Structures are given as structure tokens and as C-alpha cells.
């Protein structure tokens, strides 16, 4: 019996036909399928929905672009605000640390090499417009000096050694008495102070206690 015959005669009370319909997947689906007539206006609703779908993405793209512009503007404003909150002392500390690290990793640690303060001090004559106080410190070896630049002006760097550790002592004239500070960054310790119209910054990877000892001895002689 064919499936078409089974579907045509499926309303008749025939045991053979009933058995065929039960065993034939095609006849079973056809016999049990449900059909509904689409309500009026459904086609028009679908068309209107499709028209809206073609316009919505454009709106969201514009919104996304506008939001991105605002985000970038906000980030730039916050970055400018963050930069403006960095104090001059913090900016100087960054420059001091950078100069110290450059002197350790490069070949320009010393412009003048001497353990004699009477050799190092005169070397700066004509190179800076002040007389840097070069001192001999007990327990710390004077190694020499070099010329540095901070805030577009020359500064003196006095170099001392302690147990294979290097101390850079930077100094330059300053009309402003800056507050003293002790800073630590990436294993380096820094201290700054003002005395006799000069600003001093000492920086080293020595432990903080030894660096403070060096500064205390230096200040008692200056």
C-alpha cells in the first residue's frame, strides 16, 4: 500500500490501513499534523518589523560612536588632571632617579675621577654657576663627580661609594626652600633637603639606614 493511498483512505475503518499508518513515518506525520490559518494582518506586521530592523542598527552605531568620543574625552581630561596633581617635588624625584639609574647602567658615571675633594671641586669651575660643596665622608669613598642637567640648568653630581654601592649626590642652586622628604622607589632610596641656597638630592640602592647615615655626616660638614 502506498503512502498516498494510506493518507487518502485513513478515515475508513480498515485494520490493515490503521496498521500501515502506524508503521509508516510519512503517513503518521501527515495524519497528526496540525494546520492553522494565519490571522489577518500578520504579513503586514512582519513587513513593518523587518523595516524597523534595517534602521535600528544605524541608530545604535551613531550612539556607540558618540559614547566612544565622550569616553576618550573623559580619559584625556582625567589624565590631564592626574598630571596636574603631580607635585614639582615628585617630578624632580623622578628625574633624579632616572639620572641615577642612567649613571649605573651606562658608561657615564664620572666626568672627573678622584678621591681628592681638592681635585673634584675645582673641576666644576666654569661648568656650573655655583661652588658645589665636595666633602670627604668617613666610611664613604669619594669617587669623583660629573655634570648633570635638571630643569634646563646645570647641576653637580658628586659620586660616593660604599661596599660596591653607588651614591649620587645631586646639588644645584635654589631660591625656594623645599620640604625635606624621604622616598623609596623600586629598591632605591632618596632623600632631599635645602641648605645654604642649594638643593640636595641623595639617591642610592644602599639600605635606608646607611643612606641616612651618609647624609647626616655630609650635613655636619657642610
Protein backbone atom coordinates (compact mmCIF):
# COMPACT_ATOMS: atom_id res chain seq x y z
CA UNK A 1 0.00 0.00 0.00
CA UNK A 2 1.42 3.39 -0.92
CA UNK A 3 1.63 6.31 1.49
CA UNK A 4 -0.70 8.36 -0.74
CA UNK A 5 -3.30 5.61 -0.61
CA UNK A 6 -2.95 5.36 3.16
CA UNK A 7 -3.45 9.12 3.61
CA UNK A 8 -6.48 9.09 1.28
CA UNK A 9 -8.21 6.19 2.99
CA UNK A 10 -7.09 6.94 6.57
CA UNK A 11 -10.65 7.87 7.68
CA UNK A 12 -12.00 4.43 6.79
CA UNK A 13 -12.27 1.73 9.46
CA UNK A 14 -9.73 -0.68 7.99
CA UNK A 15 -7.37 -2.70 10.26
CA UNK A 16 -4.75 -3.05 7.50
CA UNK A 17 -4.90 0.67 6.84
CA UNK A 18 -4.54 1.51 10.52
CA UNK A 19 -1.54 -0.80 10.79
CA UNK A 20 0.10 0.90 7.76
CA UNK A 21 -0.41 4.39 9.15
CA UNK A 22 1.10 3.40 12.49
CA UNK A 23 4.18 1.85 10.87
CA UNK A 24 4.77 4.50 8.16
CA UNK A 25 6.57 7.65 9.39
CA UNK A 26 5.37 9.75 6.45
CA UNK A 27 1.72 8.81 6.98
CA UNK A 28 1.95 9.30 10.74
CA UNK A 29 3.32 12.86 10.37
CA UNK A 30 0.71 13.72 7.77
CA UNK A 31 -2.09 12.26 9.82
CA UNK A 32 -1.15 14.02 13.02
CA UNK A 33 -0.01 17.36 11.60
CA UNK A 34 -1.89 20.42 12.77
CA UNK A 35 -2.65 23.24 10.37
CA UNK A 36 -3.69 26.77 11.28
CA UNK A 37 -4.80 29.58 9.12
CA UNK A 38 -2.65 32.71 9.59
CA UNK A 39 -4.55 35.59 11.22
CA UNK A 40 -5.28 38.65 9.12
CA UNK A 41 -2.65 41.38 9.23
CA UNK A 42 0.23 39.06 10.20
CA UNK A 43 2.06 39.59 6.92
CA UNK A 44 1.93 43.37 7.28
CA UNK A 45 3.22 43.18 10.87
CA UNK A 46 6.18 41.07 9.73
CA UNK A 47 7.00 43.55 6.96
CA UNK A 48 6.88 46.52 9.36
CA UNK A 49 9.15 44.67 11.79
CA UNK A 50 11.69 43.98 9.05
CA UNK A 51 11.68 47.65 8.02
CA UNK A 52 12.44 48.69 11.61
CA UNK A 53 15.31 46.19 11.81
CA UNK A 54 17.03 47.90 8.87
CA UNK A 55 17.01 51.30 10.63
CA UNK A 56 17.83 50.34 14.25
CA UNK A 57 21.47 49.34 13.65
CA UNK A 58 22.24 52.79 12.21
CA UNK A 59 20.87 54.43 15.36
CA UNK A 60 22.97 52.21 17.62
CA UNK A 61 26.10 52.78 15.55
CA UNK A 62 25.69 56.53 15.96
CA UNK A 63 25.12 56.11 19.69
CA UNK A 64 28.20 53.90 20.02
CA UNK A 65 30.38 56.43 18.18
CA UNK A 66 29.10 59.26 20.37
CA UNK A 67 29.77 57.22 23.51
CA UNK A 68 33.31 56.44 22.32
CA UNK A 69 34.05 60.12 21.71
CA UNK A 70 32.82 61.00 25.19
CA UNK A 71 34.91 58.20 26.72
CA UNK A 72 38.09 59.38 25.01
CA UNK A 73 37.43 62.99 26.04
CA UNK A 74 36.81 61.90 29.62
CA UNK A 75 40.01 59.84 29.71
CA UNK A 76 42.07 62.73 28.34
CA UNK A 77 40.58 65.07 30.92
CA UNK A 78 41.31 62.66 33.77
CA UNK A 79 44.88 62.13 32.54
CA UNK A 80 45.46 65.89 32.43
CA UNK A 81 44.01 66.22 35.93
CA UNK A 82 46.23 63.39 37.21
CA UNK A 83 49.32 65.03 35.71
CA UNK A 84 48.42 68.39 37.22
CA UNK A 85 48.18 66.78 40.67
CA UNK A 86 51.82 65.60 40.50
CA UNK A 87 53.85 67.98 42.65
CA UNK A 88 57.08 69.59 41.40
CA UNK A 89 58.95 67.65 44.09
CA UNK A 90 57.61 64.34 42.72
CA UNK A 91 58.61 65.30 39.17
CA UNK A 92 62.10 66.20 40.37
CA UNK A 93 62.35 62.88 42.23
CA UNK A 94 61.54 61.01 39.01
CA UNK A 95 64.25 62.91 37.13
CA UNK A 96 66.75 62.31 39.93
CA UNK A 97 66.07 58.57 39.95
CA UNK A 98 66.32 58.39 36.15
CA UNK A 99 69.69 60.18 36.22
CA UNK A 100 70.95 57.82 38.92
CA UNK A 101 69.89 54.70 37.01
CA UNK A 102 71.40 56.01 33.76
CA UNK A 103 74.73 56.56 35.53
CA UNK A 104 74.75 52.94 36.75
CA UNK A 105 73.70 51.27 33.50
CA UNK A 106 75.75 53.42 31.12
CA UNK A 107 79.39 54.40 30.87
CA UNK A 108 78.98 57.98 32.10
CA UNK A 109 79.24 57.67 35.87
CA UNK A 110 82.20 60.03 36.23
CA UNK A 111 83.46 63.10 34.35
CA UNK A 112 86.26 63.58 36.85
CA UNK A 113 87.70 60.62 38.76
CA UNK A 114 89.38 61.37 42.05
CA UNK A 115 89.15 60.66 45.75
CA UNK A 116 90.60 64.10 46.49
CA UNK A 117 87.98 66.75 47.17
CA UNK A 118 90.51 69.44 46.14
CA UNK A 119 90.61 67.89 42.68
CA UNK A 120 86.88 67.30 42.26
CA UNK A 121 85.68 70.70 43.49
CA UNK A 122 87.79 72.84 41.11
CA UNK A 123 86.75 70.67 38.16
CA UNK A 124 83.28 72.23 38.31
CA UNK A 125 84.66 75.78 37.89
CA UNK A 126 83.18 77.32 34.75
CA UNK A 127 80.81 74.37 34.27
CA UNK A 128 78.28 75.41 36.91
CA UNK A 129 77.49 78.87 38.29
CA UNK A 130 78.00 77.87 41.93
CA UNK A 131 80.58 76.09 44.06
CA UNK A 132 79.39 72.57 44.94
CA UNK A 133 80.38 71.51 48.46
CA UNK A 134 82.59 68.46 47.98
CA UNK A 135 83.24 66.73 51.31
CA UNK A 136 85.24 63.73 52.47
CA UNK A 137 82.90 61.48 54.45
CA UNK A 138 84.24 58.91 56.90
CA UNK A 139 83.17 55.40 55.82
CA UNK A 140 82.11 56.58 52.36
CA UNK A 141 84.61 56.92 49.50
CA UNK A 142 84.57 59.96 47.25
CA UNK A 143 84.87 58.64 43.68
CA UNK A 144 84.57 61.84 41.67
CA UNK A 145 81.90 63.92 40.01
CA UNK A 146 80.09 64.69 36.76
CA UNK A 147 77.90 67.33 35.20
CA UNK A 148 74.11 66.84 35.10
CA UNK A 149 71.13 68.90 33.94
CA UNK A 150 67.81 69.39 35.74
CA UNK A 151 65.09 71.86 34.77
CA UNK A 152 67.24 73.07 31.86
CA UNK A 153 70.11 74.16 34.08
CA UNK A 154 73.44 72.52 35.03
CA UNK A 155 73.78 70.65 38.30
CA UNK A 156 76.67 68.95 40.06
CA UNK A 157 76.66 65.22 40.74
CA UNK A 158 79.05 64.12 43.48
CA UNK A 159 79.72 60.38 43.46
CA UNK A 160 80.44 58.34 46.59
CA UNK A 161 80.86 54.59 47.11
CA UNK A 162 80.02 52.28 49.99
CA UNK A 163 80.57 48.49 49.80
CA UNK A 164 80.13 48.40 45.99
CA UNK A 165 77.05 50.61 46.21
CA UNK A 166 76.97 53.97 44.45
CA UNK A 167 75.56 57.18 45.93
CA UNK A 168 74.70 60.03 43.61
CA UNK A 169 74.51 63.35 45.45
CA UNK A 170 72.96 65.98 43.18
CA UNK A 171 73.03 69.68 44.02
CA UNK A 172 72.09 72.97 42.37
CA UNK A 173 71.11 76.50 43.49
CA UNK A 174 67.52 77.01 44.64
CA UNK A 175 65.80 80.15 45.87
CA UNK A 176 62.94 78.10 47.32
CA UNK A 177 63.34 76.03 50.47
CA UNK A 178 61.67 72.75 49.56
CA UNK A 179 60.26 70.49 52.29
CA UNK A 180 62.55 67.61 53.18
CA UNK A 181 61.39 64.19 52.03
CA UNK A 182 62.44 60.55 52.11
CA UNK A 183 61.28 58.46 49.16
CA UNK A 184 61.65 54.84 48.08
CA UNK A 185 61.07 53.51 44.57
CA UNK A 186 61.98 50.11 43.06
CA UNK A 187 64.62 49.42 45.70
CA UNK A 188 66.21 52.89 45.52
CA UNK A 189 66.13 55.33 48.44
CA UNK A 190 66.13 59.10 48.03
CA UNK A 191 66.40 61.99 50.44
CA UNK A 192 66.33 65.70 49.69
CA UNK A 193 66.99 68.84 51.69
CA UNK A 194 67.88 72.51 51.20
CA UNK A 195 70.82 74.31 52.82
CA UNK A 196 72.86 77.43 52.06
CA UNK A 197 70.76 78.30 49.00
CA UNK A 198 71.37 74.89 47.45
CA UNK A 199 69.05 71.94 46.89
CA UNK A 200 70.46 68.48 47.57
CA UNK A 201 69.19 65.05 46.46
CA UNK A 202 70.94 61.86 47.55
CA UNK A 203 69.94 58.57 45.89
CA UNK A 204 71.30 55.03 46.20
CA UNK A 205 70.33 51.38 46.47
CA UNK A 206 72.01 51.33 49.86
CA UNK A 207 69.68 50.44 52.67
CA UNK A 208 67.82 53.41 54.06
CA UNK A 209 69.75 53.48 57.34
CA UNK A 210 73.16 53.71 55.66
CA UNK A 211 72.00 56.35 53.22
CA UNK A 212 70.62 58.40 56.09
CA UNK A 213 73.96 57.97 57.90
CA UNK A 214 75.79 59.32 54.85
CA UNK A 215 73.52 62.33 54.65
CA UNK A 216 73.84 63.08 58.36
CA UNK A 217 77.65 63.01 58.14
CA UNK A 218 77.67 65.14 55.00
CA UNK A 219 75.38 67.76 56.51
CA UNK A 220 77.51 68.09 59.64
CA UNK A 221 80.48 69.03 57.44
CA UNK A 222 78.62 71.42 55.19
